[in-house]
């Protein structure tokens, strides 16, 4: 198998890993979140802080990516990361069980478990995306990004349905058994799915990576990547766009209930409609980019820009709907927002796979790790800042609609900024680092390292 010839079967095998990753994450960040708040009657800030910890710990993604660059084989880090994630998931379930007897002991174990979850997601997810970037042909990337993203959603859906069925009636021991089954299943599926998926040529890559010239320190490697204009541009774009993408998640349903009078069931259906729109947007990008490859309509960067613009416009439409409720229905606008988000997300992941291979050789893991860290930081901040900003605005204003409108307007502005940044991706900044003399590249890398 050549370095860029991953078949559709191979792509689906990688998708199974993403499904397993999604299964463990949704169990720990959703189901266990509810158990701590409802069954254990703990403050909602506690599970929120633990979820925030799992995002914060992913700041080490560049270091994890560097480890896979030096080792050469990505599958080792994928399987190892899934193993750490599985241990963290089981530890989180055990922590909830301990909280009934001793809150301090349970909380201490939960902190360790959620830190392991963040490390596992970082190690597995970063190397998985690098493997896709190196092994998927350019013509397959839109569809591959869609397939892998959808498999993650499948992991969410299947896990929540099955766990919801078997968890009732709830007992701590039942939670521990179910979590253990989910985590061990995800690990076994991962180990089987990535078996021989890298091909024989990975051994040669691994041998080359051990050469002194190709094996600098992590600080040097990070400085080299940061000296690349395209890597810096994409890092800023990922942070800004994902901040806008995540800030809406925790306030859309409260907004629908407070301003439009939706019942809990109706607001939940609204979220389902948004996810349905996301699915349609993903499939649309995959189809169009595959059908019109080589033309402007099939360009991933163009769809990234268009998705950001459309997301911004949909948020402005939702703001308008709050003021003219009878004339502008909310549901179609939320569906449009989901569709725009889905198109943007898949196009961005596809572009990420392309940019990962641009620049200095054997630094794909560091680049992907840098972007993964930016995404995790944005997700951790986005949900908190969106909810906190809406609470503050509601406290300072007498009109709930105006408070939410200000937050949605800020998110719309971030998407507009994301579109502007996306339109500049790939353009040279002063000069192309890759085409400069080696001495000048080293000088730029040293300067970037000093700034870091």
Protein backbone atom coordinates (compact mmCIF):
# COMPACT_ATOMS: atom_id res chain seq x y z
CA UNK A 1 0.00 0.00 0.00
CA UNK A 2 1.48 3.35 -0.99
CA UNK A 3 1.61 6.36 1.21
CA UNK A 4 -1.43 7.97 -0.38
CA UNK A 5 -3.62 5.06 -1.47
CA UNK A 6 -5.92 4.35 1.45
CA UNK A 7 -8.94 2.55 0.01
CA UNK A 8 -12.56 3.25 0.89
CA UNK A 9 -12.49 0.16 3.11
CA UNK A 10 -9.43 1.59 4.86
CA UNK A 11 -11.19 4.93 5.33
CA UNK A 12 -14.19 3.16 6.88
CA UNK A 13 -11.84 1.25 9.19
CA UNK A 14 -10.42 4.58 10.37
CA UNK A 15 -14.02 5.75 10.77
CA UNK A 16 -14.64 2.86 13.18
CA UNK A 17 -11.86 4.23 15.38
CA UNK A 18 -13.53 7.64 15.34
CA UNK A 19 -16.84 5.99 16.26
CA UNK A 20 -15.20 4.27 19.24
CA UNK A 21 -13.62 7.54 20.32
CA UNK A 22 -16.99 9.29 20.10
CA UNK A 23 -18.68 6.50 22.06
CA UNK A 24 -16.41 6.89 25.08
CA UNK A 25 -16.39 10.68 24.99
CA UNK A 26 -20.18 11.05 24.80
CA UNK A 27 -20.58 8.60 27.68
CA UNK A 28 -18.21 10.54 29.94
CA UNK A 29 -19.21 14.09 29.00
CA UNK A 30 -22.98 13.60 28.64
CA UNK A 31 -24.33 10.63 30.62
CA UNK A 32 -21.93 11.02 33.54
CA UNK A 33 -22.54 14.77 33.53
CA UNK A 34 -26.24 14.16 34.15
CA UNK A 35 -25.58 11.54 36.84
CA UNK A 36 -23.41 13.92 38.84
CA UNK A 37 -25.96 16.73 38.65
CA UNK A 38 -29.22 14.78 39.10
CA UNK A 39 -28.53 11.48 40.91
CA UNK A 40 -25.67 12.80 43.08
CA UNK A 41 -27.16 16.32 43.43
CA UNK A 42 -23.76 17.96 42.84
CA UNK A 43 -23.36 21.53 41.53
CA UNK A 44 -23.48 21.70 37.72
CA UNK A 45 -20.17 23.56 37.80
CA UNK A 46 -18.40 20.38 38.94
CA UNK A 47 -18.97 18.22 35.85
CA UNK A 48 -18.55 21.32 33.68
CA UNK A 49 -15.11 21.83 35.24
CA UNK A 50 -14.20 18.18 34.60
CA UNK A 51 -15.26 18.46 30.94
CA UNK A 52 -13.26 21.68 30.75
CA UNK A 53 -10.25 19.80 32.16
CA UNK A 54 -10.49 17.20 29.39
CA UNK A 55 -10.36 20.03 26.85
CA UNK A 56 -7.58 21.92 28.65
CA UNK A 57 -5.30 18.89 28.86
CA UNK A 58 -5.40 18.64 25.07
CA UNK A 59 -3.07 21.62 24.89
CA UNK A 60 -0.37 18.91 24.77
CA UNK A 61 -1.58 17.70 21.37
CA UNK A 62 1.45 19.21 19.55
CA UNK A 63 3.77 17.19 21.81
CA UNK A 64 1.76 14.04 21.19
CA UNK A 65 1.86 14.68 17.45
CA UNK A 66 5.61 15.20 17.65
CA UNK A 67 5.93 11.80 19.30
CA UNK A 68 4.17 10.14 16.38
CA UNK A 69 6.37 12.09 13.92
CA UNK A 70 9.53 10.79 15.60
CA UNK A 71 8.23 7.24 15.87
CA UNK A 72 6.97 7.21 12.30
CA UNK A 73 4.07 4.82 12.90
CA UNK A 74 0.74 6.49 13.64
CA UNK A 75 -1.19 3.30 14.48
CA UNK A 76 0.87 2.79 17.64
CA UNK A 77 -0.28 6.18 18.94
CA UNK A 78 -3.87 5.56 17.82
CA UNK A 79 -4.14 2.27 19.71
CA UNK A 80 -2.20 3.60 22.69
CA UNK A 81 -4.34 6.74 22.84
CA UNK A 82 -7.52 4.68 22.71
CA UNK A 83 -6.18 2.55 25.54
CA UNK A 84 -5.54 5.63 27.70
CA UNK A 85 -9.01 6.94 26.79
CA UNK A 86 -10.61 3.62 27.78
CA UNK A 87 -8.81 3.63 31.12
CA UNK A 88 -9.98 7.20 31.70
CA UNK A 89 -13.58 6.30 30.83
CA UNK A 90 -13.64 3.36 33.24
CA UNK A 91 -11.95 5.52 35.88
CA UNK A 92 -14.64 8.19 35.47
CA UNK A 93 -17.39 5.62 36.06
CA UNK A 94 -15.55 4.29 39.11
CA UNK A 95 -15.19 7.86 40.39
CA UNK A 96 -18.97 8.38 40.28
CA UNK A 97 -19.39 5.16 42.23
CA UNK A 98 -16.90 6.36 44.86
CA UNK A 99 -18.57 9.78 45.18
CA UNK A 100 -21.48 8.20 47.05
CA UNK A 101 -19.15 6.99 49.80
CA UNK A 102 -16.56 9.78 49.75
CA UNK A 103 -16.92 12.90 47.64
CA UNK A 104 -13.24 13.79 48.08
CA UNK A 105 -12.00 10.35 46.97
CA UNK A 106 -14.41 10.26 44.03
CA UNK A 107 -13.53 13.78 42.93
CA UNK A 108 -9.80 13.05 43.13
CA UNK A 109 -10.22 9.98 40.93
CA UNK A 110 -12.48 11.93 38.54
CA UNK A 111 -9.78 14.57 38.03
CA UNK A 112 -7.24 11.89 37.12
CA UNK A 113 -9.77 10.09 34.90
CA UNK A 114 -10.80 13.17 32.92
CA UNK A 115 -7.15 14.14 32.49
CA UNK A 116 -6.56 10.67 31.01
CA UNK A 117 -9.59 11.15 28.77
CA UNK A 118 -8.08 14.38 27.43
CA UNK A 119 -4.70 12.71 26.85
CA UNK A 120 -6.31 9.73 25.14
CA UNK A 121 -8.42 11.88 22.82
CA UNK A 122 -5.38 13.99 21.99
CA UNK A 123 -3.08 11.07 21.20
CA UNK A 124 -5.63 8.99 19.30
CA UNK A 125 -7.40 11.84 17.48
CA UNK A 126 -4.24 13.66 16.37
CA UNK A 127 -2.52 10.59 14.93
CA UNK A 128 -5.76 9.42 13.33
CA UNK A 129 -6.13 12.68 11.39
CA UNK A 130 -2.45 12.62 10.40
CA UNK A 131 -2.87 9.08 9.08
CA UNK A 132 -5.83 10.21 7.00
CA UNK A 133 -3.94 13.26 5.74
CA UNK A 134 -0.97 11.15 4.61
CA UNK A 135 -2.93 8.23 3.19
CA UNK A 136 -6.02 9.69 1.51
CA UNK A 137 -5.85 10.90 -2.09
CA UNK A 138 -6.82 14.52 -2.64
CA UNK A 139 -9.90 13.54 -4.67
CA UNK A 140 -11.20 11.44 -1.76
CA UNK A 141 -10.61 13.94 1.04
CA UNK A 142 -14.05 15.64 1.12
CA UNK A 143 -15.86 12.31 1.21
CA UNK A 144 -13.32 10.85 3.65
CA UNK A 145 -13.74 13.78 6.04
CA UNK A 146 -17.52 13.37 5.84
CA UNK A 147 -17.36 9.61 6.38
CA UNK A 148 -15.09 9.85 9.42
CA UNK A 149 -17.14 12.69 10.96
CA UNK A 150 -20.38 10.75 10.39
CA UNK A 151 -18.88 7.65 11.98
CA UNK A 152 -18.16 9.73 15.08
CA UNK A 153 -21.82 10.82 15.14
CA UNK A 154 -22.82 7.17 14.74
CA UNK A 155 -20.71 6.43 17.81
CA UNK A 156 -22.60 9.16 19.70
CA UNK A 157 -26.02 7.93 18.64
CA UNK A 158 -25.50 4.17 19.09
CA UNK A 159 -23.88 4.62 22.49
CA UNK A 160 -26.57 6.92 23.86
CA UNK A 161 -29.37 4.63 22.65
CA UNK A 162 -27.83 1.42 24.00
CA UNK A 163 -26.61 2.92 27.26
CA UNK A 164 -29.99 4.59 27.77
CA UNK A 165 -31.66 1.20 27.36
CA UNK A 166 -29.38 -0.85 29.61
CA UNK A 167 -28.73 1.78 32.30
CA UNK A 168 -32.31 1.72 33.62
CA UNK A 169 -32.90 1.13 36.45
CA UNK A 170 -29.75 3.04 37.37
CA UNK A 171 -27.27 1.68 39.87
CA UNK A 172 -23.57 2.61 40.23
CA UNK A 173 -22.49 -0.98 39.58
CA UNK A 174 -24.58 -1.10 36.41
CA UNK A 175 -22.93 2.13 35.19
CA UNK A 176 -19.49 0.66 35.84
CA UNK A 177 -20.29 -2.55 33.96
CA UNK A 178 -21.76 -0.72 30.95
CA UNK A 179 -18.86 1.75 30.79
CA UNK A 180 -16.35 -1.09 30.95
CA UNK A 181 -18.06 -2.88 28.06
CA UNK A 182 -18.15 0.29 25.95
CA UNK A 183 -14.52 1.18 26.63
CA UNK A 184 -13.14 -2.32 26.07
CA UNK A 185 -15.21 -2.70 22.89
CA UNK A 186 -13.87 0.60 21.54
CA UNK A 187 -10.29 -0.46 22.30
CA UNK A 188 -10.66 -3.90 20.67
CA UNK A 189 -12.37 -2.44 17.59
CA UNK A 190 -9.58 0.15 17.28
CA UNK A 191 -6.82 -2.45 17.52
CA UNK A 192 -8.50 -4.57 14.83
CA UNK A 193 -9.43 -1.63 12.58
CA UNK A 194 -5.91 -0.20 12.27
CA UNK A 195 -4.16 -3.53 11.89
CA UNK A 196 -1.84 -3.30 8.84
CA UNK A 197 -3.61 -0.13 7.67
CA UNK A 198 -0.31 1.81 7.40
CA UNK A 199 1.31 -0.66 5.03
CA UNK A 200 4.88 -1.86 4.88
CA UNK A 201 6.37 1.49 3.83
CA UNK A 202 5.72 2.86 7.33
CA UNK A 203 8.70 0.83 8.54
CA UNK A 204 10.97 2.78 6.21
CA UNK A 205 9.46 6.04 7.43
CA UNK A 206 10.06 4.96 11.02
CA UNK A 207 13.70 4.17 10.24
CA UNK A 208 14.21 7.53 8.52
CA UNK A 209 12.64 9.36 11.45
CA UNK A 210 15.36 8.10 13.76
CA UNK A 211 18.07 9.96 11.82
CA UNK A 212 19.51 12.87 13.85
CA UNK A 213 18.64 15.47 11.19
CA UNK A 214 15.00 14.38 11.23
CA UNK A 215 14.76 14.05 14.99
CA UNK A 216 15.12 17.49 16.64
CA UNK A 217 13.80 18.38 20.06
CA UNK A 218 10.11 19.13 20.44
CA UNK A 219 10.83 22.82 20.99
CA UNK A 220 12.79 22.98 17.74
CA UNK A 221 10.09 21.11 15.82
CA UNK A 222 7.35 23.37 17.16
CA UNK A 223 9.40 26.45 16.27
CA UNK A 224 9.92 25.11 12.75
CA UNK A 225 6.18 24.59 12.28
CA UNK A 226 5.28 27.95 13.82
CA UNK A 227 7.72 29.61 11.37
CA UNK A 228 5.53 28.37 8.49
CA UNK A 229 3.00 31.08 7.53
CA UNK A 230 0.36 28.55 6.45
CA UNK A 231 0.55 26.72 9.81
CA UNK A 232 0.18 29.97 11.78
CA UNK A 233 -2.70 31.17 9.59
CA UNK A 234 -4.57 27.90 9.91
CA UNK A 235 -4.06 27.80 13.69
CA UNK A 236 -5.67 31.23 14.09
CA UNK A 237 -8.49 30.28 11.71
CA UNK A 238 -9.24 27.05 13.60
CA UNK A 239 -9.38 28.85 16.94
CA UNK A 240 -11.65 31.68 15.74
CA UNK A 241 -14.04 29.51 13.73
CA UNK A 242 -14.33 26.78 16.38
CA UNK A 243 -14.91 29.40 19.06
CA UNK A 244 -17.92 30.61 17.07
CA UNK A 245 -18.98 27.02 16.31
CA UNK A 246 -19.01 25.92 19.95
CA UNK A 247 -20.37 29.09 21.61
CA UNK A 248 -23.91 28.47 20.34
CA UNK A 249 -24.28 24.92 21.68
CA UNK A 250 -25.25 25.72 25.27
CA UNK A 251 -27.54 28.70 24.60
CA UNK A 252 -29.66 27.69 21.60
CA UNK A 253 -32.16 25.62 23.60
CA UNK A 254 -32.44 28.16 26.47
CA UNK A 255 -32.93 30.86 23.82
CA UNK A 256 -35.75 28.88 22.19
CA UNK A 257 -37.44 28.31 25.55
CA UNK A 258 -37.06 31.83 26.91
CA UNK A 259 -37.76 33.90 23.79
CA UNK A 260 -40.02 31.59 21.74
CA UNK A 261 -41.72 29.69 24.57
CA UNK A 262 -40.59 26.25 23.37
CA UNK A 263 -41.21 23.36 25.75
CA UNK A 264 -38.26 21.12 26.74
CA UNK A 265 -39.38 18.55 24.19
CA UNK A 266 -39.69 21.15 21.45
CA UNK A 267 -36.27 22.63 22.19
CA UNK A 268 -34.74 19.13 22.12
CA UNK A 269 -36.36 18.55 18.73
CA UNK A 270 -34.88 21.86 17.61
CA UNK A 271 -31.40 20.59 18.46
CA UNK A 272 -32.17 17.42 16.53
CA UNK A 273 -33.19 19.57 13.57
CA UNK A 274 -29.88 21.41 13.79
CA UNK A 275 -27.95 18.12 13.77
CA UNK A 276 -30.03 16.97 10.80
CA UNK A 277 -29.02 20.12 8.97
CA UNK A 278 -25.38 19.43 9.83
CA UNK A 279 -25.68 15.99 8.29
CA UNK A 280 -27.15 17.48 5.10
CA UNK A 281 -24.36 20.06 4.92
CA UNK A 282 -21.67 17.39 5.29
CA UNK A 283 -23.19 15.19 2.59
CA UNK A 284 -23.61 18.19 0.28
CA UNK A 285 -19.93 19.14 0.52
CA UNK A 286 -18.81 15.53 0.01
CA UNK A 287 -20.99 15.15 -3.09
CA UNK A 288 -20.23 18.51 -4.71
CA UNK A 289 -16.48 18.39 -4.08
CA UNK A 290 -16.28 14.86 -5.48
CA UNK A 291 -18.52 15.67 -8.48
CA UNK A 292 -16.87 18.97 -9.41
CA UNK A 293 -13.30 18.21 -8.39
CA UNK A 294 -10.80 20.60 -10.00
CA UNK A 295 -13.36 23.39 -10.37
CA UNK A 296 -14.19 26.30 -8.11
CA UNK A 297 -17.45 24.67 -7.03
CA UNK A 298 -15.53 21.64 -5.80
CA UNK A 299 -12.89 23.57 -3.86
CA UNK A 300 -12.61 22.77 -0.15
CA UNK A 301 -11.22 26.24 0.73
CA UNK A 302 -14.17 27.84 -1.09
CA UNK A 303 -16.63 25.72 0.89
CA UNK A 304 -14.83 26.62 4.12
CA UNK A 305 -15.34 30.32 3.38
CA UNK A 306 -18.93 29.76 2.22
CA UNK A 307 -19.77 27.72 5.32
CA UNK A 308 -18.50 30.47 7.61
CA UNK A 309 -20.44 33.15 5.72
CA UNK A 310 -23.61 31.04 5.72
CA UNK A 311 -23.27 30.33 9.46
CA UNK A 312 -22.92 34.06 10.12
CA UNK A 313 -25.99 34.83 8.00
CA UNK A 314 -28.06 32.11 9.72
CA UNK A 315 -27.21 33.54 13.15
CA UNK A 316 -28.29 37.00 12.00
CA UNK A 317 -31.53 35.44 10.75
CA UNK A 318 -32.12 33.86 14.18
CA UNK A 319 -31.63 37.29 15.76
CA UNK A 320 -34.18 38.77 13.36
CA UNK A 321 -36.62 35.96 14.11
CA UNK A 322 -36.65 36.97 17.78
CA UNK A 323 -38.04 40.39 16.81
CA UNK A 324 -40.56 39.32 14.16
CA UNK A 325 -41.63 35.97 15.60
CA UNK A 326 -44.83 35.41 13.66
CA UNK A 327 -43.29 36.24 10.28
CA UNK A 328 -39.91 34.48 10.51
CA UNK A 329 -40.09 30.91 11.89
CA UNK A 330 -37.18 29.70 13.98
CA UNK A 331 -36.99 26.05 12.90
CA UNK A 332 -35.92 26.59 9.24
CA UNK A 333 -33.27 29.05 10.39
CA UNK A 334 -31.85 26.56 12.90
CA UNK A 335 -31.82 23.89 10.18
CA UNK A 336 -29.96 26.33 7.90
CA UNK A 337 -27.49 27.06 10.70
CA UNK A 338 -26.84 23.34 11.14
CA UNK A 339 -26.40 22.87 7.39
CA UNK A 340 -23.92 25.76 7.22
CA UNK A 341 -22.05 24.43 10.26
CA UNK A 342 -21.85 20.96 8.74
CA UNK A 343 -20.56 22.28 5.42
CA UNK A 344 -17.97 24.42 7.14
CA UNK A 345 -16.83 21.66 9.51
CA UNK A 346 -16.26 19.03 6.80
CA UNK A 347 -14.56 21.51 4.47
CA UNK A 348 -12.31 22.67 7.31
CA UNK A 349 -11.34 19.08 8.22
CA UNK A 350 -10.63 18.34 4.54
CA UNK A 351 -8.51 21.48 4.27
CA UNK A 352 -6.72 20.48 7.47
CA UNK A 353 -5.77 17.17 5.87
CA UNK A 354 -4.32 19.08 2.90
CA UNK A 355 -2.39 21.67 4.91
CA UNK A 356 -0.95 19.01 7.24
CA UNK A 357 1.35 17.81 4.46
CA UNK A 358 2.52 21.27 3.41
CA UNK A 359 5.81 22.56 4.80
CA UNK A 360 8.77 20.77 6.32
CA UNK A 361 8.75 16.98 6.05
CA UNK A 362 7.96 14.76 9.07
CA UNK A 363 6.13 17.53 10.93
CA UNK A 364 2.56 16.47 10.12
CA UNK A 365 1.91 15.36 13.69
CA UNK A 366 3.09 18.66 15.16
CA UNK A 367 0.92 20.65 12.72
CA UNK A 368 -2.16 18.53 13.37
CA UNK A 369 -1.49 18.67 17.09
CA UNK A 370 -1.19 22.45 16.98
CA UNK A 371 -4.55 22.73 15.22
CA UNK A 372 -6.12 20.16 17.53
CA UNK A 373 -4.94 22.14 20.56
CA UNK A 374 -6.44 25.32 19.07
CA UNK A 375 -9.74 23.49 18.46
CA UNK A 376 -9.88 21.99 21.97
CA UNK A 377 -9.09 25.36 23.55
CA UNK A 378 -11.79 27.02 21.47
CA UNK A 379 -14.34 24.35 22.40
CA UNK A 380 -13.51 24.63 26.07
CA UNK A 381 -13.82 28.42 26.00
CA UNK A 382 -16.72 28.61 23.57
CA UNK A 383 -19.35 26.82 25.60
CA UNK A 384 -18.40 28.60 28.82
CA UNK A 385 -18.10 32.09 27.31
CA UNK A 386 -21.33 31.75 25.33
CA UNK A 387 -23.34 30.75 28.40
CA UNK A 388 -21.59 33.25 30.68
CA UNK A 389 -22.06 36.11 28.22
CA UNK A 390 -25.77 35.39 27.88
CA UNK A 391 -26.16 35.26 31.69
CA UNK A 392 -24.32 38.56 32.07
CA UNK A 393 -26.32 40.25 29.34
CA UNK A 394 -29.60 39.03 30.86
CA UNK A 395 -28.49 40.35 34.24
CA UNK A 396 -27.67 43.79 32.82
CA UNK A 397 -30.72 44.05 30.55
CA UNK A 398 -34.42 43.71 31.11
CA UNK A 399 -35.06 42.01 27.75
CA UNK A 400 -33.97 38.37 27.34
CA UNK A 401 -34.25 38.61 23.55
CA UNK A 402 -31.74 41.45 23.40
CA UNK A 403 -29.29 39.59 25.66
CA UNK A 404 -29.29 36.49 23.45
CA UNK A 405 -29.18 38.68 20.32
CA UNK A 406 -25.93 40.26 21.48
CA UNK A 407 -24.32 36.85 22.01
CA UNK A 408 -25.52 35.53 18.64
CA UNK A 409 -24.28 38.74 17.01
CA UNK A 410 -20.84 38.21 18.53
CA UNK A 411 -20.80 34.64 17.21
CA UNK A 412 -21.88 35.89 13.78
CA UNK A 413 -18.97 38.34 13.84
CA UNK A 414 -16.56 35.53 14.72
CA UNK A 415 -17.82 33.49 11.77
CA UNK A 416 -17.32 36.52 9.50
CA UNK A 417 -13.77 36.85 10.80
CA UNK A 418 -13.31 33.11 10.23
CA UNK A 419 -14.45 33.52 6.62
CA UNK A 420 -11.95 36.34 6.13
CA UNK A 421 -9.14 34.25 7.60
CA UNK A 422 -10.16 31.22 5.52
CA UNK A 423 -10.08 33.28 2.31
CA UNK A 424 -6.42 34.09 3.02
CA UNK A 425 -5.30 30.53 3.74
CA UNK A 426 -2.54 29.40 1.43
CA UNK A 427 -1.53 32.90 0.36
CA UNK A 428 2.14 33.74 0.85
CA UNK A 429 3.02 35.99 3.78
CA UNK A 430 6.10 38.04 2.76
CA UNK A 431 7.71 34.89 1.43
CA UNK A 432 7.05 31.19 1.35
CA UNK A 433 9.11 29.56 4.09
CA UNK A 434 9.24 26.29 2.25
CA UNK A 435 10.93 27.92 -0.74
CA UNK A 436 13.49 29.94 1.20
CA UNK A 437 17.15 28.96 1.71
CA UNK A 438 17.73 26.58 4.60
CA UNK A 439 19.69 29.18 6.59
CA UNK A 440 16.79 31.65 6.45
CA UNK A 441 14.34 28.91 7.47
CA UNK A 442 16.52 28.15 10.49
CA UNK A 443 16.65 31.84 11.41
CA UNK A 444 12.86 32.10 11.22
CA UNK A 445 12.47 28.94 13.30
CA UNK A 446 14.86 30.28 15.94
CA UNK A 447 12.96 33.58 16.12
CA UNK A 448 9.63 31.76 16.45
CA UNK A 449 11.11 29.54 19.16
CA UNK A 450 12.22 32.57 21.15
CA UNK A 451 8.73 34.07 20.89
CA UNK A 452 7.15 30.85 22.08
